[in-house]
Amino acid sequence: MAITIKELHIKINVDEKSEPQGQSSSAKNSNTAAIVSACVEEVMDILERQKQR
Protein backbone atom coordinates (compact mmCIF):
# COMPACT_ATOMS: atom_id res chain seq x y z
CA MET A 1 0.00 0.00 0.00
CA ALA A 2 1.46 3.36 -1.03
CA ILE A 3 1.50 6.33 1.29
CA THR A 4 0.83 9.72 -0.27
CA ILE A 5 2.00 12.93 1.38
CA LYS A 6 -0.19 15.80 0.24
CA GLU A 7 1.51 18.59 2.18
CA LEU A 8 4.94 19.09 3.62
CA HIS A 9 5.59 21.97 5.99
CA ILE A 10 9.13 22.84 6.96
CA LYS A 11 9.73 25.43 9.63
CA ILE A 12 13.19 26.65 10.53
CA ASN A 13 14.08 29.07 13.31
CA VAL A 14 17.42 30.77 12.92
CA ASP A 15 19.15 32.45 15.84
CA GLU A 16 21.85 34.64 14.33
CA LYS A 17 23.32 35.54 17.72
CA SER A 18 24.61 32.01 18.22
CA GLU A 19 27.04 32.13 15.25
CA PRO A 20 30.79 32.21 15.83
CA GLN A 21 32.31 35.70 15.68
CA GLY A 22 34.95 34.79 13.07
CA GLN A 23 32.51 33.81 10.32
CA SER A 24 32.23 36.35 7.48
CA SER A 25 29.06 37.24 5.60
CA SER A 26 30.31 35.54 2.42
CA ALA A 27 30.78 32.28 4.36
CA LYS A 28 27.23 32.60 5.73
CA ASN A 29 25.86 33.18 2.22
CA SER A 30 27.84 30.19 0.98
CA ASN A 31 26.47 27.96 3.75
CA THR A 32 22.93 29.17 3.15
CA ALA A 33 23.22 28.59 -0.59
CA ALA A 34 24.53 25.06 0.00
CA ILE A 35 21.66 24.25 2.36
CA VAL A 36 19.06 25.65 -0.03
CA SER A 37 20.47 23.77 -3.00
CA ALA A 38 20.50 20.51 -1.01
CA CYS A 39 16.86 21.06 0.00
CA VAL A 40 15.82 21.82 -3.57
CA GLU A 41 17.58 18.67 -4.79
CA GLU A 42 15.77 16.53 -2.19
CA VAL A 43 12.39 18.02 -3.10
CA MET A 44 13.02 17.43 -6.80
CA ASP A 45 13.95 13.79 -6.06
CA ILE A 46 10.73 13.35 -4.08
CA LEU A 47 8.67 14.86 -6.90
CA GLU A 48 10.38 12.63 -9.47
CA ARG A 49 9.66 9.52 -7.39
CA GLN A 50 6.06 10.66 -7.05
CA LYS A 51 5.74 10.98 -10.84
CA GLN A 52 7.00 7.43 -11.35
CA ARG A 53 4.14 5.93 -9.34
C-alpha atoms as a PDB file:
ATOM      1  CA  MET A   1       0.000   0.000   0.000  1.00  0.00           C
ATOM      2  CA  ALA A   2       1.457   3.357  -1.033  1.00  0.00           C
ATOM      3  CA  ILE A   3       1.504   6.332   1.292  1.00  0.00           C
ATOM      4  CA  THR A   4       0.825   9.725  -0.272  1.00  0.00           C
ATOM      5  CA  ILE A   5       2.001  12.934   1.379  1.00  0.00           C
ATOM      6  CA  LYS A   6      -0.188  15.805   0.239  1.00  0.00           C
ATOM      7  CA  GLU A   7       1.509  18.586   2.176  1.00  0.00           C
ATOM      8  CA  LEU A   8       4.936  19.086   3.624  1.00  0.00           C
ATOM      9  CA  HIS A   9       5.588  21.968   5.993  1.00  0.00           C
ATOM     10  CA  ILE A  10       9.134  22.835   6.960  1.00  0.00           C
ATOM     11  CA  LYS A  11       9.726  25.428   9.629  1.00  0.00           C
ATOM     12  CA  ILE A  12      13.192  26.652  10.528  1.00  0.00           C
ATOM     13  CA  ASN A  13      14.076  29.066  13.310  1.00  0.00           C
ATOM     14  CA  VAL A  14      17.423  30.769  12.923  1.00  0.00           C
ATOM     15  CA  ASP A  15      19.145  32.449  15.845  1.00  0.00           C
ATOM     16  CA  GLU A  16      21.850  34.639  14.327  1.00  0.00           C
ATOM     17  CA  LYS A  17      23.322  35.542  17.719  1.00  0.00           C
ATOM     18  CA  SER A  18      24.610  32.005  18.219  1.00  0.00           C
ATOM     19  CA  GLU A  19      27.036  32.133  15.249  1.00  0.00           C
ATOM     20  CA  PRO A  20      30.794  32.214  15.826  1.00  0.00           C
ATOM     21  CA  GLN A  21      32.314  35.697  15.678  1.00  0.00           C
ATOM     22  CA  GLY A  22      34.947  34.789  13.075  1.00  0.00           C
ATOM     23  CA  GLN A  23      32.507  33.811  10.319  1.00  0.00           C
ATOM     24  CA  SER A  24      32.227  36.347   7.480  1.00  0.00           C
ATOM     25  CA  SER A  25      29.056  37.240   5.601  1.00  0.00           C
ATOM     26  CA  SER A  26      30.309  35.542   2.423  1.00  0.00           C
ATOM     27  CA  ALA A  27      30.777  32.284   4.358  1.00  0.00           C
ATOM     28  CA  LYS A  28      27.227  32.604   5.734  1.00  0.00           C
ATOM     29  CA  ASN A  29      25.858  33.178   2.223  1.00  0.00           C
ATOM     30  CA  SER A  30      27.836  30.187   0.978  1.00  0.00           C
ATOM     31  CA  ASN A  31      26.473  27.955   3.746  1.00  0.00           C
ATOM     32  CA  THR A  32      22.931  29.169   3.147  1.00  0.00           C
ATOM     33  CA  ALA A  33      23.217  28.585  -0.591  1.00  0.00           C
ATOM     34  CA  ALA A  34      24.533  25.059  -0.001  1.00  0.00           C
ATOM     35  CA  ILE A  35      21.664  24.251   2.363  1.00  0.00           C
ATOM     36  CA  VAL A  36      19.062  25.653  -0.025  1.00  0.00           C
ATOM     37  CA  SER A  37      20.469  23.767  -2.996  1.00  0.00           C
ATOM     38  CA  ALA A  38      20.498  20.507  -1.007  1.00  0.00           C
ATOM     39  CA  CYS A  39      16.864  21.060   0.003  1.00  0.00           C
ATOM     40  CA  VAL A  40      15.824  21.816  -3.574  1.00  0.00           C
ATOM     41  CA  GLU A  41      17.576  18.667  -4.787  1.00  0.00           C
ATOM     42  CA  GLU A  42      15.775  16.531  -2.194  1.00  0.00           C
ATOM     43  CA  VAL A  43      12.391  18.025  -3.104  1.00  0.00           C
ATOM     44  CA  MET A  44      13.024  17.428  -6.802  1.00  0.00           C
ATOM     45  CA  ASP A  45      13.949  13.791  -6.056  1.00  0.00           C
ATOM     46  CA  ILE A  46      10.734  13.349  -4.081  1.00  0.00           C
ATOM     47  CA  LEU A  47       8.665  14.859  -6.899  1.00  0.00           C
ATOM     48  CA  GLU A  48      10.379  12.630  -9.472  1.00  0.00           C
ATOM     49  CA  ARG A  49       9.656   9.523  -7.387  1.00  0.00           C
ATOM     50  CA  GLN A  50       6.065  10.660  -7.046  1.00  0.00           C
ATOM     51  CA  LYS A  51       5.739  10.981 -10.844  1.00  0.00           C
ATOM     52  CA  GLN A  52       6.998   7.433 -11.354  1.00  0.00           C
ATOM     53  CA  ARG A  53       4.145   5.927  -9.338  1.00  0.00           C
END
